[in-house]
Amino acid sequence: MRISFDRNVRYDMTELDIATETVGYQLLKPRMVLMEIKTEWGMPSFLRQILGQYKLRPTRFSKFERGLKDGFQRHATAY
């Protein structure tokens, strides 16, 4: 099992320099944190309990797909 937390997720349709955090467009709302849980055999019961206590529910979210959608909407006249 792997749990990671992402914040300040950015994308750019042309060029993105990861050496600086001021490049590109924000993918998440300010102060939002994305928790990613990857398991090989499903969610363990203790983790389901913890998520339930905080009223968190699993959803599918692709940073790549969300960046593409937002980017094409933002730059619709350029394509």
Protein backbone atom coordinates (compact mmCIF):
# COMPACT_ATOMS: atom_id res chain seq x y z
CA MET A 1 0.00 0.00 0.00
CA ARG A 2 1.16 3.52 -0.78
CA ILE A 3 -0.36 6.79 0.43
CA SER A 4 0.85 10.10 -0.96
CA PHE A 5 -0.28 13.70 -0.57
CA ASP A 6 -0.04 16.20 -3.44
CA ARG A 7 -0.41 19.94 -3.22
CA ASN A 8 0.47 22.74 -5.59
CA VAL A 9 -0.14 20.46 -8.60
CA ARG A 10 0.52 22.42 -11.79
CA TYR A 11 0.33 21.88 -15.51
CA ASP A 12 1.18 23.77 -18.67
CA MET A 13 0.26 23.00 -22.25
CA THR A 14 3.56 24.28 -23.65
CA GLU A 15 6.44 24.06 -21.19
CA LEU A 16 6.73 23.31 -17.50
CA ASP A 17 9.91 23.85 -15.51
CA ILE A 18 9.69 21.90 -12.26
CA ALA A 19 12.68 23.78 -10.84
CA THR A 20 10.31 26.61 -9.88
CA GLU A 21 6.84 26.45 -8.37
CA THR A 22 5.63 29.60 -10.10
CA VAL A 23 5.27 28.10 -13.57
CA GLY A 24 2.10 26.72 -15.09
CA TYR A 25 -1.48 26.70 -13.92
CA GLN A 26 -2.83 25.41 -10.61
CA LEU A 27 -4.73 22.15 -11.02
CA LEU A 28 -6.18 22.17 -7.50
CA LYS A 29 -7.92 24.94 -5.61
CA PRO A 30 -5.75 26.88 -3.14
CA ARG A 31 -5.08 24.97 0.10
CA MET A 32 -6.53 21.78 -1.41
CA VAL A 33 -4.56 18.57 -0.88
CA LEU A 34 -4.98 15.46 -2.99
CA MET A 35 -4.53 12.18 -1.11
CA GLU A 36 -3.68 9.23 -3.33
CA ILE A 37 -4.04 5.70 -2.00
CA LYS A 38 -2.75 2.80 -4.05
CA THR A 39 -3.30 -0.75 -2.93
CA GLU A 40 -2.63 -4.05 -4.57
CA TRP A 41 -5.52 -5.99 -3.02
CA GLY A 42 -8.12 -3.39 -2.09
CA MET A 43 -8.58 -0.97 0.78
CA PRO A 44 -7.75 -2.40 4.25
CA SER A 45 -10.58 -2.17 6.77
CA PHE A 46 -8.62 0.04 9.20
CA LEU A 47 -8.12 2.59 6.43
CA ARG A 48 -11.80 2.45 5.46
CA GLN A 49 -12.63 3.23 9.10
CA ILE A 50 -10.31 6.23 9.21
CA LEU A 51 -11.62 7.62 5.93
CA GLY A 52 -15.18 7.10 7.17
CA GLN A 53 -14.50 9.02 10.39
CA TYR A 54 -13.45 12.05 8.33
CA LYS A 55 -16.25 11.55 5.80
CA LEU A 56 -13.73 11.03 2.99
CA ARG A 57 -14.78 8.90 0.06
CA PRO A 58 -12.69 7.37 -2.69
CA THR A 59 -13.06 8.90 -6.14
CA ARG A 60 -11.20 8.45 -9.39
CA PHE A 61 -9.02 11.41 -10.30
CA SER A 62 -6.40 11.66 -13.02
CA LYS A 63 -4.03 14.62 -12.73
CA PHE A 64 -2.99 14.08 -16.35
CA GLU A 65 -6.58 14.01 -17.64
CA ARG A 66 -7.65 16.98 -15.51
CA GLY A 67 -4.67 19.02 -16.76
CA LEU A 68 -5.50 18.22 -20.38
CA LYS A 69 -9.17 19.13 -19.97
CA ASP A 70 -8.41 22.39 -18.18
CA GLY A 71 -5.64 23.23 -20.61
CA PHE A 72 -7.79 22.72 -23.69
CA GLN A 73 -10.60 24.77 -22.15
CA ARG A 74 -8.17 27.54 -21.19
CA HIS A 75 -6.53 27.61 -24.62
CA ALA A 76 -9.53 26.65 -26.79
CA THR A 77 -8.89 29.44 -29.30
CA ALA A 78 -5.25 28.41 -29.73
CA TYR A 79 -6.07 24.92 -31.12
